[in-house]
């Protein structure tokens, strides 16, 4: 899992010409004082034991690191730095103006996004960097939503392991690459990958989707939305609470807000009732709300909210 990571971004040119985006969830390294807090605690405890008189010796702090770390974030689109009033907070989260979670419309205009995929990188002095992708869409586009585990892969658990650890993943539904390529063979169709995997696995999941090859057929290049919560919270929602639909419903609501049009979601593909529920709540028509079983057969579900 990656300590620094970022979730893909969708930017939509709305009907009135304005730009709007989904939330930009990026996590860099925390401040030096937090990174080194545990080490300093151990160091001071060791000095206490060594002193024998109950006093502490101070071997210095991280003033130099703190001075170099001003928290200012630098954003690069397709290799060029772009205007962006963002900072990285003490915990490493990228925060925009007024403590927001996305760039302002006027900033997006100055990013000079090209249609479709744009490569995005955010960095800060002393805090590392994170990479993701930014997809520029249009308000007239229609989106096909696709789950990953159990939908592209043949099952949830084994599919997860195979897709993140295998150099050449094999535990995937036969013909899934050609199927989704054909699903986009219509004007203004866009694909959106949506998974409850934690954002720390975003890069590994993108790499899996990029490298999956079935006899020369590849999956369409598309944004991947993952759960921005920490690994523990994401796993709790998925494994213990069994409510990954809470995150997925919120993520699709964010996509709808970026479009600000009615019914931008054309279809949804998942493998669980919770997927169908999320898609239904986001406005996917019942006849286009599909569940894919372990044999790779898609069945339309109503997905009652």
C-alpha atoms as a PDB file:
ATOM      1  CA  UNK A   1       0.000   0.000   0.000  1.00  0.00           C
ATOM      2  CA  UNK A   2       1.177   3.502  -0.799  1.00  0.00           C
ATOM      3  CA  UNK A   3       1.762   5.972   2.047  1.00  0.00           C
ATOM      4  CA  UNK A   4       1.188   8.819  -0.410  1.00  0.00           C
ATOM      5  CA  UNK A   5      -1.730   8.473  -2.783  1.00  0.00           C
ATOM      6  CA  UNK A   6      -4.416  10.322  -4.707  1.00  0.00           C
ATOM      7  CA  UNK A   7      -7.855   9.453  -6.080  1.00  0.00           C
ATOM      8  CA  UNK A   8      -8.630  10.185  -9.731  1.00  0.00           C
ATOM      9  CA  UNK A   9     -10.494  13.392 -10.508  1.00  0.00           C
ATOM     10  CA  UNK A  10     -13.420  13.973 -12.886  1.00  0.00           C
ATOM     11  CA  UNK A  11     -13.865  17.500 -14.274  1.00  0.00           C
ATOM     12  CA  UNK A  12     -17.078  18.278 -16.160  1.00  0.00           C
ATOM     13  CA  UNK A  13     -17.733  21.161 -18.548  1.00  0.00           C
ATOM     14  CA  UNK A  14     -21.292  21.989 -17.536  1.00  0.00           C
ATOM     15  CA  UNK A  15     -24.057  23.156 -19.838  1.00  0.00           C
ATOM     16  CA  UNK A  16     -23.453  26.809 -18.879  1.00  0.00           C
ATOM     17  CA  UNK A  17     -19.749  26.500 -19.718  1.00  0.00           C
ATOM     18  CA  UNK A  18     -18.470  26.410 -16.139  1.00  0.00           C
ATOM     19  CA  UNK A  19     -16.138  23.689 -14.906  1.00  0.00           C
ATOM     20  CA  UNK A  20     -16.850  21.566 -11.832  1.00  0.00           C
ATOM     21  CA  UNK A  21     -14.964  18.628 -10.384  1.00  0.00           C
ATOM     22  CA  UNK A  22     -15.342  15.737  -8.042  1.00  0.00           C
ATOM     23  CA  UNK A  23     -13.426  15.907  -4.753  1.00  0.00           C
ATOM     24  CA  UNK A  24      -9.645  15.826  -5.067  1.00  0.00           C
ATOM     25  CA  UNK A  25      -8.536  13.383  -2.377  1.00  0.00           C
ATOM     26  CA  UNK A  26      -4.735  13.426  -2.125  1.00  0.00           C
ATOM     27  CA  UNK A  27      -2.619  12.322   0.813  1.00  0.00           C
ATOM     28  CA  UNK A  28       1.065  13.140   1.210  1.00  0.00           C
ATOM     29  CA  UNK A  29       3.371  12.523   4.163  1.00  0.00           C
ATOM     30  CA  UNK A  30       2.369  14.160   7.467  1.00  0.00           C
ATOM     31  CA  UNK A  31       4.393  16.971   9.001  1.00  0.00           C
ATOM     32  CA  UNK A  32       7.863  16.073  10.208  1.00  0.00           C
ATOM     33  CA  UNK A  33       6.854  16.636  13.824  1.00  0.00           C
ATOM     34  CA  UNK A  34       4.149  13.980  13.461  1.00  0.00           C
ATOM     35  CA  UNK A  35       6.284  11.586  11.414  1.00  0.00           C
ATOM     36  CA  UNK A  36       9.068  11.733  13.946  1.00  0.00           C
ATOM     37  CA  UNK A  37       6.936  11.995  17.077  1.00  0.00           C
ATOM     38  CA  UNK A  38       7.121   8.311  17.880  1.00  0.00           C
ATOM     39  CA  UNK A  39      10.875   8.240  17.233  1.00  0.00           C
ATOM     40  CA  UNK A  40      11.443  11.224  19.525  1.00  0.00           C
ATOM     41  CA  UNK A  41       9.326   9.649  22.260  1.00  0.00           C
ATOM     42  CA  UNK A  42      11.423   6.494  22.090  1.00  0.00           C
ATOM     43  CA  UNK A  43      14.626   8.549  22.066  1.00  0.00           C
ATOM     44  CA  UNK A  44      13.608  10.561  25.140  1.00  0.00           C
ATOM     45  CA  UNK A  45      12.518   7.460  27.000  1.00  0.00           C
ATOM     46  CA  UNK A  46      15.876   5.846  26.242  1.00  0.00           C
ATOM     47  CA  UNK A  47      17.733   8.932  27.514  1.00  0.00           C
ATOM     48  CA  UNK A  48      15.733   8.799  30.738  1.00  0.00           C
ATOM     49  CA  UNK A  49      16.812   5.233  31.360  1.00  0.00           C
ATOM     50  CA  UNK A  50      20.426   6.006  30.458  1.00  0.00           C
ATOM     51  CA  UNK A  51      20.644   9.052  32.746  1.00  0.00           C
ATOM     52  CA  UNK A  52      19.902   7.106  35.900  1.00  0.00           C
ATOM     53  CA  UNK A  53      18.727  10.266  37.687  1.00  0.00           C
ATOM     54  CA  UNK A  54      15.300  10.626  36.142  1.00  0.00           C
ATOM     55  CA  UNK A  55      16.337  13.540  33.904  1.00  0.00           C
ATOM     56  CA  UNK A  56      15.931  13.805  30.157  1.00  0.00           C
ATOM     57  CA  UNK A  57      18.610  14.799  27.698  1.00  0.00           C
ATOM     58  CA  UNK A  58      17.443  16.683  24.622  1.00  0.00           C
ATOM     59  CA  UNK A  59      19.174  15.509  21.447  1.00  0.00           C
ATOM     60  CA  UNK A  60      17.486  18.101  19.248  1.00  0.00           C
ATOM     61  CA  UNK A  61      14.262  18.381  17.323  1.00  0.00           C
ATOM     62  CA  UNK A  62      13.064  18.775  13.772  1.00  0.00           C
ATOM     63  CA  UNK A  63      13.302  22.539  13.402  1.00  0.00           C
ATOM     64  CA  UNK A  64      15.250  22.174  10.143  1.00  0.00           C
ATOM     65  CA  UNK A  65      12.626  19.842   8.667  1.00  0.00           C
ATOM     66  CA  UNK A  66       9.804  22.103   9.845  1.00  0.00           C
ATOM     67  CA  UNK A  67      11.418  25.135   8.267  1.00  0.00           C
ATOM     68  CA  UNK A  68      11.669  23.349   4.910  1.00  0.00           C
ATOM     69  CA  UNK A  69       8.060  22.178   5.149  1.00  0.00           C
ATOM     70  CA  UNK A  70       5.818  25.195   4.474  1.00  0.00           C
ATOM     71  CA  UNK A  71       2.792  23.077   3.541  1.00  0.00           C
ATOM     72  CA  UNK A  72       2.332  24.665   0.098  1.00  0.00           C
ATOM     73  CA  UNK A  73       1.154  22.168  -2.512  1.00  0.00           C
ATOM     74  CA  UNK A  74       2.348  22.210  -6.110  1.00  0.00           C
ATOM     75  CA  UNK A  75       0.049  20.734  -8.736  1.00  0.00           C
ATOM     76  CA  UNK A  76       1.222  19.580 -12.168  1.00  0.00           C
ATOM     77  CA  UNK A  77      -1.022  18.678 -15.110  1.00  0.00           C
ATOM     78  CA  UNK A  78       0.577  16.719 -17.952  1.00  0.00           C
ATOM     79  CA  UNK A  79       3.986  17.693 -16.607  1.00  0.00           C
ATOM     80  CA  UNK A  80       3.388  21.454 -16.310  1.00  0.00           C
ATOM     81  CA  UNK A  81       2.793  23.277 -13.048  1.00  0.00           C
ATOM     82  CA  UNK A  82      -0.644  24.894 -12.851  1.00  0.00           C
ATOM     83  CA  UNK A  83      -2.223  27.510 -10.531  1.00  0.00           C
ATOM     84  CA  UNK A  84      -3.748  25.906  -7.473  1.00  0.00           C
ATOM     85  CA  UNK A  85      -4.292  27.460  -4.041  1.00  0.00           C
ATOM     86  CA  UNK A  86      -3.856  24.226  -2.102  1.00  0.00           C
ATOM     87  CA  UNK A  87      -1.963  23.310   1.027  1.00  0.00           C
ATOM     88  CA  UNK A  88      -1.052  20.066   2.733  1.00  0.00           C
ATOM     89  CA  UNK A  89      -2.269  19.945   6.313  1.00  0.00           C
ATOM     90  CA  UNK A  90      -0.454  18.435   9.292  1.00  0.00           C
ATOM     91  CA  UNK A  91      -1.882  14.970   8.593  1.00  0.00           C
ATOM     92  CA  UNK A  92      -0.855  15.096   4.927  1.00  0.00           C
ATOM     93  CA  UNK A  93      -4.266  15.840   3.394  1.00  0.00           C
ATOM     94  CA  UNK A  94      -4.417  18.188   0.421  1.00  0.00           C
ATOM     95  CA  UNK A  95      -6.769  21.047   1.319  1.00  0.00           C
ATOM     96  CA  UNK A  96      -7.990  23.761  -1.028  1.00  0.00           C
ATOM     97  CA  UNK A  97      -9.151  27.339  -0.419  1.00  0.00           C
ATOM     98  CA  UNK A  98     -11.619  27.771   2.448  1.00  0.00           C
ATOM     99  CA  UNK A  99     -10.727  24.244   3.623  1.00  0.00           C
ATOM    100  CA  UNK A 100     -12.459  22.797   0.573  1.00  0.00           C
ATOM    101  CA  UNK A 101     -11.804  19.441  -1.051  1.00  0.00           C
ATOM    102  CA  UNK A 102     -11.643  20.521  -4.703  1.00  0.00           C
ATOM    103  CA  UNK A 103     -10.137  23.195  -6.953  1.00  0.00           C
ATOM    104  CA  UNK A 104     -12.156  26.336  -7.709  1.00  0.00           C
ATOM    105  CA  UNK A 105     -13.750  26.639 -11.181  1.00  0.00           C
ATOM    106  CA  UNK A 106     -11.406  29.480 -12.170  1.00  0.00           C
ATOM    107  CA  UNK A 107      -8.396  27.365 -11.198  1.00  0.00           C
ATOM    108  CA  UNK A 108      -9.672  24.477 -13.313  1.00  0.00           C
ATOM    109  CA  UNK A 109      -9.948  26.828 -16.292  1.00  0.00           C
ATOM    110  CA  UNK A 110      -6.244  27.632 -15.975  1.00  0.00           C
ATOM    111  CA  UNK A 111      -5.269  23.959 -15.906  1.00  0.00           C
ATOM    112  CA  UNK A 112      -5.658  23.770 -19.721  1.00  0.00           C
ATOM    113  CA  UNK A 113      -7.148  20.287 -19.531  1.00  0.00           C
ATOM    114  CA  UNK A 114      -7.364  18.335 -22.747  1.00  0.00           C
ATOM    115  CA  UNK A 115     -10.452  16.167 -23.416  1.00  0.00           C
ATOM    116  CA  UNK A 116     -10.256  12.786 -21.748  1.00  0.00           C
ATOM    117  CA  UNK A 117      -7.292  11.773 -19.617  1.00  0.00           C
ATOM    118  CA  UNK A 118      -4.780  14.168 -18.082  1.00  0.00           C
ATOM    119  CA  UNK A 119      -1.933  13.060 -15.809  1.00  0.00           C
ATOM    120  CA  UNK A 120      -1.935  14.806 -12.437  1.00  0.00           C
ATOM    121  CA  UNK A 121       0.759  15.130  -9.791  1.00  0.00           C
ATOM    122  CA  UNK A 122       0.655  16.928  -6.452  1.00  0.00           C
ATOM    123  CA  UNK A 123       3.775  17.547  -4.377  1.00  0.00           C
ATOM    124  CA  UNK A 124       4.975  19.538  -1.369  1.00  0.00           C
ATOM    125  CA  UNK A 125       8.437  20.257   0.021  1.00  0.00           C
ATOM    126  CA  UNK A 126       9.449  17.588   2.499  1.00  0.00           C
ATOM    127  CA  UNK A 127       6.143  15.746   2.082  1.00  0.00           C
ATOM    128  CA  UNK A 128       6.650  13.680  -1.067  1.00  0.00           C
ATOM    129  CA  UNK A 129       4.232  13.481  -3.981  1.00  0.00           C
ATOM    130  CA  UNK A 130       1.197  11.583  -5.222  1.00  0.00           C
ATOM    131  CA  UNK A 131       0.040  10.875  -8.750  1.00  0.00           C
ATOM    132  CA  UNK A 132      -3.377  10.280 -10.218  1.00  0.00           C
ATOM    133  CA  UNK A 133      -5.385  11.119 -13.332  1.00  0.00           C
ATOM    134  CA  UNK A 134      -7.824  13.873 -14.172  1.00  0.00           C
ATOM    135  CA  UNK A 135     -10.510  13.191 -16.790  1.00  0.00           C
ATOM    136  CA  UNK A 136     -12.154  16.098 -18.596  1.00  0.00           C
ATOM    137  CA  UNK A 137     -15.726  15.242 -19.547  1.00  0.00           C
ATOM    138  CA  UNK A 138     -18.730  17.109 -20.934  1.00  0.00           C
ATOM    139  CA  UNK A 139     -22.184  17.610 -19.430  1.00  0.00           C
ATOM    140  CA  UNK A 140     -23.693  15.676 -22.352  1.00  0.00           C
ATOM    141  CA  UNK A 141     -21.615  12.570 -21.588  1.00  0.00           C
ATOM    142  CA  UNK A 142     -23.334   9.494 -20.209  1.00  0.00           C
ATOM    143  CA  UNK A 143     -21.521   7.382 -17.628  1.00  0.00           C
ATOM    144  CA  UNK A 144     -21.321   3.603 -17.245  1.00  0.00           C
ATOM    145  CA  UNK A 145     -20.306   2.694 -13.673  1.00  0.00           C
ATOM    146  CA  UNK A 146     -18.290  -0.462 -13.068  1.00  0.00           C
ATOM    147  CA  UNK A 147     -17.288  -2.147  -9.798  1.00  0.00           C
ATOM    148  CA  UNK A 148     -13.915  -3.933  -9.677  1.00  0.00           C
ATOM    149  CA  UNK A 149     -13.812  -6.865  -7.228  1.00  0.00           C
ATOM    150  CA  UNK A 150     -16.234  -9.602  -8.268  1.00  0.00           C
ATOM    151  CA  UNK A 151     -17.275  -7.634 -11.355  1.00  0.00           C
ATOM    152  CA  UNK A 152     -14.102  -7.414 -13.403  1.00  0.00           C
ATOM    153  CA  UNK A 153     -12.474 -10.126 -11.282  1.00  0.00           C
ATOM    154  CA  UNK A 154     -14.275 -13.433 -10.805  1.00  0.00           C
ATOM    155  CA  UNK A 155     -14.613 -13.071  -7.048  1.00  0.00           C
ATOM    156  CA  UNK A 156     -14.043 -10.531  -4.301  1.00  0.00           C
ATOM    157  CA  UNK A 157     -11.234 -11.995  -2.178  1.00  0.00           C
ATOM    158  CA  UNK A 158      -9.226 -14.059  -4.659  1.00  0.00           C
ATOM    159  CA  UNK A 159      -9.803 -11.413  -7.313  1.00  0.00           C
ATOM    160  CA  UNK A 160      -8.419  -8.755  -4.988  1.00  0.00           C
ATOM    161  CA  UNK A 161      -5.288 -10.769  -4.213  1.00  0.00           C
ATOM    162  CA  UNK A 162      -4.703 -11.728  -7.852  1.00  0.00           C
ATOM    163  CA  UNK A 163      -5.242  -8.208  -9.167  1.00  0.00           C
ATOM    164  CA  UNK A 164      -2.876  -6.554  -6.678  1.00  0.00           C
ATOM    165  CA  UNK A 165      -0.092  -9.150  -6.416  1.00  0.00           C
ATOM    166  CA  UNK A 166       0.069 -11.016  -9.736  1.00  0.00           C
ATOM    167  CA  UNK A 167       2.244  -9.612 -12.519  1.00  0.00           C
ATOM    168  CA  UNK A 168      -0.249 -10.995 -15.042  1.00  0.00           C
ATOM    169  CA  UNK A 169      -3.722 -11.236 -13.426  1.00  0.00           C
ATOM    170  CA  UNK A 170      -5.763 -14.246 -14.504  1.00  0.00           C
ATOM    171  CA  UNK A 171      -8.685 -14.436 -12.048  1.00  0.00           C
ATOM    172  CA  UNK A 172     -10.958 -12.216 -14.151  1.00  0.00           C
ATOM    173  CA  UNK A 173     -14.166 -12.874 -16.037  1.00  0.00           C
ATOM    174  CA  UNK A 174     -13.476 -14.157 -19.531  1.00  0.00           C
ATOM    175  CA  UNK A 175     -14.177 -11.497 -22.138  1.00  0.00           C
ATOM    176  CA  UNK A 176     -14.625  -8.681 -19.606  1.00  0.00           C
ATOM    177  CA  UNK A 177     -12.213  -6.381 -21.473  1.00  0.00           C
ATOM    178  CA  UNK A 178     -14.023  -6.743 -24.800  1.00  0.00           C
ATOM    179  CA  UNK A 179     -17.387  -6.444 -23.054  1.00  0.00           C
ATOM    180  CA  UNK A 180     -16.690  -3.034 -21.512  1.00  0.00           C
ATOM    181  CA  UNK A 181     -14.991  -1.793 -24.662  1.00  0.00           C
ATOM    182  CA  UNK A 182     -18.225  -2.622 -26.515  1.00  0.00           C
ATOM    183  CA  UNK A 183     -20.315  -0.981 -23.766  1.00  0.00           C
ATOM    184  CA  UNK A 184     -18.638   2.315 -24.626  1.00  0.00           C
ATOM    185  CA  UNK A 185     -19.200   1.922 -28.365  1.00  0.00           C
ATOM    186  CA  UNK A 186     -21.782   4.674 -28.408  1.00  0.00           C
ATOM    187  CA  UNK A 187     -21.535   8.471 -28.683  1.00  0.00           C
ATOM    188  CA  UNK A 188     -20.687  10.318 -25.455  1.00  0.00           C
ATOM    189  CA  UNK A 189     -20.309   7.151 -23.348  1.00  0.00           C
ATOM    190  CA  UNK A 190     -17.780   7.266 -20.504  1.00  0.00           C
ATOM    191  CA  UNK A 191     -16.677   4.526 -18.107  1.00  0.00           C
ATOM    192  CA  UNK A 192     -16.158   5.073 -14.372  1.00  0.00           C
ATOM    193  CA  UNK A 193     -14.478   2.463 -12.172  1.00  0.00           C
ATOM    194  CA  UNK A 194     -15.851   2.562  -8.625  1.00  0.00           C
ATOM    195  CA  UNK A 195     -14.435   0.428  -5.816  1.00  0.00           C
ATOM    196  CA  UNK A 196     -14.579   0.404  -2.034  1.00  0.00           C
ATOM    197  CA  UNK A 197     -10.861  -0.390  -1.899  1.00  0.00           C
ATOM    198  CA  UNK A 198      -8.958   2.185   0.192  1.00  0.00           C
ATOM    199  CA  UNK A 199      -7.206   5.031  -1.594  1.00  0.00           C
ATOM    200  CA  UNK A 200      -3.864   3.598  -0.431  1.00  0.00           C
ATOM    201  CA  UNK A 201      -4.473   0.900  -3.068  1.00  0.00           C
ATOM    202  CA  UNK A 202      -5.456   3.329  -5.824  1.00  0.00           C
ATOM    203  CA  UNK A 203      -2.135   3.096  -7.671  1.00  0.00           C
ATOM    204  CA  UNK A 204      -2.066  -0.711  -7.476  1.00  0.00           C
ATOM    205  CA  UNK A 205      -5.660  -0.909  -8.712  1.00  0.00           C
ATOM    206  CA  UNK A 206      -4.988   1.504 -11.594  1.00  0.00           C
ATOM    207  CA  UNK A 207      -1.973  -0.612 -12.564  1.00  0.00           C
ATOM    208  CA  UNK A 208      -4.144  -3.751 -12.597  1.00  0.00           C
ATOM    209  CA  UNK A 209      -6.797  -2.135 -14.786  1.00  0.00           C
ATOM    210  CA  UNK A 210      -4.090  -0.850 -17.143  1.00  0.00           C
ATOM    211  CA  UNK A 211      -2.248  -4.141 -17.560  1.00  0.00           C
ATOM    212  CA  UNK A 212      -5.161  -6.575 -17.834  1.00  0.00           C
ATOM    213  CA  UNK A 213      -4.853  -8.128 -21.292  1.00  0.00           C
ATOM    214  CA  UNK A 214      -7.239 -10.763 -22.632  1.00  0.00           C
ATOM    215  CA  UNK A 215      -5.974 -11.861 -26.013  1.00  0.00           C
ATOM    216  CA  UNK A 216      -5.102  -8.318 -27.008  1.00  0.00           C
ATOM    217  CA  UNK A 217      -8.334  -6.812 -25.622  1.00  0.00           C
ATOM    218  CA  UNK A 218      -7.784  -4.206 -22.908  1.00  0.00           C
ATOM    219  CA  UNK A 219     -10.075  -2.420 -20.482  1.00  0.00           C
ATOM    220  CA  UNK A 220     -11.018   1.151 -21.421  1.00  0.00           C
ATOM    221  CA  UNK A 221      -8.934   3.918 -19.897  1.00  0.00           C
ATOM    222  CA  UNK A 222     -11.192   5.558 -17.293  1.00  0.00           C
ATOM    223  CA  UNK A 223     -11.135   7.274 -13.884  1.00  0.00           C
ATOM    224  CA  UNK A 224     -10.967   5.129 -10.769  1.00  0.00           C
ATOM    225  CA  UNK A 225     -12.746   6.326  -7.625  1.00  0.00           C
ATOM    226  CA  UNK A 226     -11.610   4.627  -4.407  1.00  0.00           C
ATOM    227  CA  UNK A 227     -12.559   5.114  -0.779  1.00  0.00           C
ATOM    228  CA  UNK A 228     -10.561   8.125   0.555  1.00  0.00           C
ATOM    229  CA  UNK A 229     -10.921   6.870   4.136  1.00  0.00           C
ATOM    230  CA  UNK A 230      -7.964   5.227   5.832  1.00  0.00           C
ATOM    231  CA  UNK A 231      -7.259   1.544   5.317  1.00  0.00           C
ATOM    232  CA  UNK A 232      -8.840   0.573   8.649  1.00  0.00           C
ATOM    233  CA  UNK A 233     -12.055   2.518   8.013  1.00  0.00           C
ATOM    234  CA  UNK A 234     -12.377   1.240   4.452  1.00  0.00           C
ATOM    235  CA  UNK A 235     -11.862  -2.384   5.514  1.00  0.00           C
ATOM    236  CA  UNK A 236     -14.338  -1.993   8.373  1.00  0.00           C
ATOM    237  CA  UNK A 237     -17.015  -0.724   5.984  1.00  0.00           C
ATOM    238  CA  UNK A 238     -16.308  -3.540   3.525  1.00  0.00           C
ATOM    239  CA  UNK A 239     -15.675  -6.536   5.801  1.00  0.00           C
ATOM    240  CA  UNK A 240     -17.318  -5.834   9.181  1.00  0.00           C
ATOM    241  CA  UNK A 241     -20.225  -3.464   8.534  1.00  0.00           C
ATOM    242  CA  UNK A 242     -20.706  -4.867   5.015  1.00  0.00           C
ATOM    243  CA  UNK A 243     -21.860  -1.465   3.832  1.00  0.00           C
ATOM    244  CA  UNK A 244     -19.530  -0.448   1.006  1.00  0.00           C
ATOM    245  CA  UNK A 245     -22.594   1.133  -0.589  1.00  0.00           C
ATOM    246  CA  UNK A 246     -22.346   4.060   1.854  1.00  0.00           C
ATOM    247  CA  UNK A 247     -19.091   5.206   0.245  1.00  0.00           C
ATOM    248  CA  UNK A 248     -20.214   4.320  -3.281  1.00  0.00           C
ATOM    249  CA  UNK A 249     -23.476   6.256  -2.925  1.00  0.00           C
ATOM    250  CA  UNK A 250     -21.570   9.318  -1.683  1.00  0.00           C
ATOM    251  CA  UNK A 251     -19.026   9.024  -4.510  1.00  0.00           C
ATOM    252  CA  UNK A 252     -21.742   8.822  -7.171  1.00  0.00           C
ATOM    253  CA  UNK A 253     -23.533  11.775  -5.582  1.00  0.00           C
ATOM    254  CA  UNK A 254     -20.302  13.742  -5.993  1.00  0.00           C
ATOM    255  CA  UNK A 255     -20.189  12.780  -9.673  1.00  0.00           C
ATOM    256  CA  UNK A 256     -23.805  13.900 -10.109  1.00  0.00           C
ATOM    257  CA  UNK A 257     -22.979  17.254  -8.499  1.00  0.00           C
ATOM    258  CA  UNK A 258     -20.167  17.771 -11.005  1.00  0.00           C
ATOM    259  CA  UNK A 259     -22.561  17.199 -13.914  1.00  0.00           C
ATOM    260  CA  UNK A 260     -25.464  19.245 -12.532  1.00  0.00           C
ATOM    261  CA  UNK A 261     -27.687  17.602 -15.157  1.00  0.00           C
ATOM    262  CA  UNK A 262     -30.400  14.984 -14.890  1.00  0.00           C
ATOM    263  CA  UNK A 263     -29.611  11.298 -15.324  1.00  0.00           C
ATOM    264  CA  UNK A 264     -25.941  11.322 -16.396  1.00  0.00           C
ATOM    265  CA  UNK A 265     -25.572   7.669 -15.292  1.00  0.00           C
ATOM    266  CA  UNK A 266     -26.516   5.351 -18.153  1.00  0.00           C
ATOM    267  CA  UNK A 267     -25.774   1.956 -16.552  1.00  0.00           C
ATOM    268  CA  UNK A 268     -24.149   0.242 -13.604  1.00  0.00           C
ATOM    269  CA  UNK A 269     -22.385  -3.110 -13.229  1.00  0.00           C
ATOM    270  CA  UNK A 270     -21.666  -4.760  -9.892  1.00  0.00           C
ATOM    271  CA  UNK A 271     -21.792  -8.123  -8.172  1.00  0.00           C
ATOM    272  CA  UNK A 272     -23.590  -7.379  -4.899  1.00  0.00           C
ATOM    273  CA  UNK A 273     -26.990  -6.066  -3.840  1.00  0.00           C
ATOM    274  CA  UNK A 274     -25.122  -3.152  -2.225  1.00  0.00           C
ATOM    275  CA  UNK A 275     -23.775  -2.178  -5.664  1.00  0.00           C
ATOM    276  CA  UNK A 276     -27.300  -2.230  -7.107  1.00  0.00           C
ATOM    277  CA  UNK A 277     -28.543  -0.128  -4.195  1.00  0.00           C
ATOM    278  CA  UNK A 278     -25.856   2.515  -4.751  1.00  0.00           C
ATOM    279  CA  UNK A 279     -26.571   2.678  -8.474  1.00  0.00           C
ATOM    280  CA  UNK A 280     -30.322   2.932  -7.937  1.00  0.00           C
ATOM    281  CA  UNK A 281     -29.945   5.771  -5.436  1.00  0.00           C
ATOM    282  CA  UNK A 282     -27.757   7.605  -7.967  1.00  0.00           C
ATOM    283  CA  UNK A 283     -30.408   7.321 -10.663  1.00  0.00           C
ATOM    284  CA  UNK A 284     -29.269   4.339 -12.737  1.00  0.00           C
ATOM    285  CA  UNK A 285     -32.394   2.955 -14.476  1.00  0.00           C
ATOM    286  CA  UNK A 286     -33.552  -0.431 -13.165  1.00  0.00           C
ATOM    287  CA  UNK A 287     -33.249  -2.036 -16.589  1.00  0.00           C
ATOM    288  CA  UNK A 288     -29.598  -0.904 -16.776  1.00  0.00           C
ATOM    289  CA  UNK A 289     -28.644  -1.834 -13.196  1.00  0.00           C
ATOM    290  CA  UNK A 290     -26.758  -5.101 -13.719  1.00  0.00           C
ATOM    291  CA  UNK A 291     -25.397  -7.724 -11.346  1.00  0.00           C
ATOM    292  CA  UNK A 292     -22.649 -10.023 -12.645  1.00  0.00           C
ATOM    293  CA  UNK A 293     -22.481 -13.478 -11.052  1.00  0.00           C
ATOM    294  CA  UNK A 294     -19.440 -15.735 -10.639  1.00  0.00           C
ATOM    295  CA  UNK A 295     -20.054 -17.237 -14.078  1.00  0.00           C
ATOM    296  CA  UNK A 296     -19.896 -13.804 -15.672  1.00  0.00           C
ATOM    297  CA  UNK A 297     -23.618 -13.604 -16.473  1.00  0.00           C
ATOM    298  CA  UNK A 298     -25.184 -10.143 -16.159  1.00  0.00           C
ATOM    299  CA  UNK A 299     -28.721  -9.821 -14.832  1.00  0.00           C
ATOM    300  CA  UNK A 300     -30.670  -6.595 -14.534  1.00  0.00           C
ATOM    301  CA  UNK A 301     -31.750  -5.798 -10.985  1.00  0.00           C
ATOM    302  CA  UNK A 302     -34.084  -3.224  -9.583  1.00  0.00           C
ATOM    303  CA  UNK A 303     -31.674  -2.284  -6.804  1.00  0.00           C
ATOM    304  CA  UNK A 304     -34.314  -1.072  -4.357  1.00  0.00           C
ATOM    305  CA  UNK A 305     -32.995   1.833  -2.235  1.00  0.00           C
END
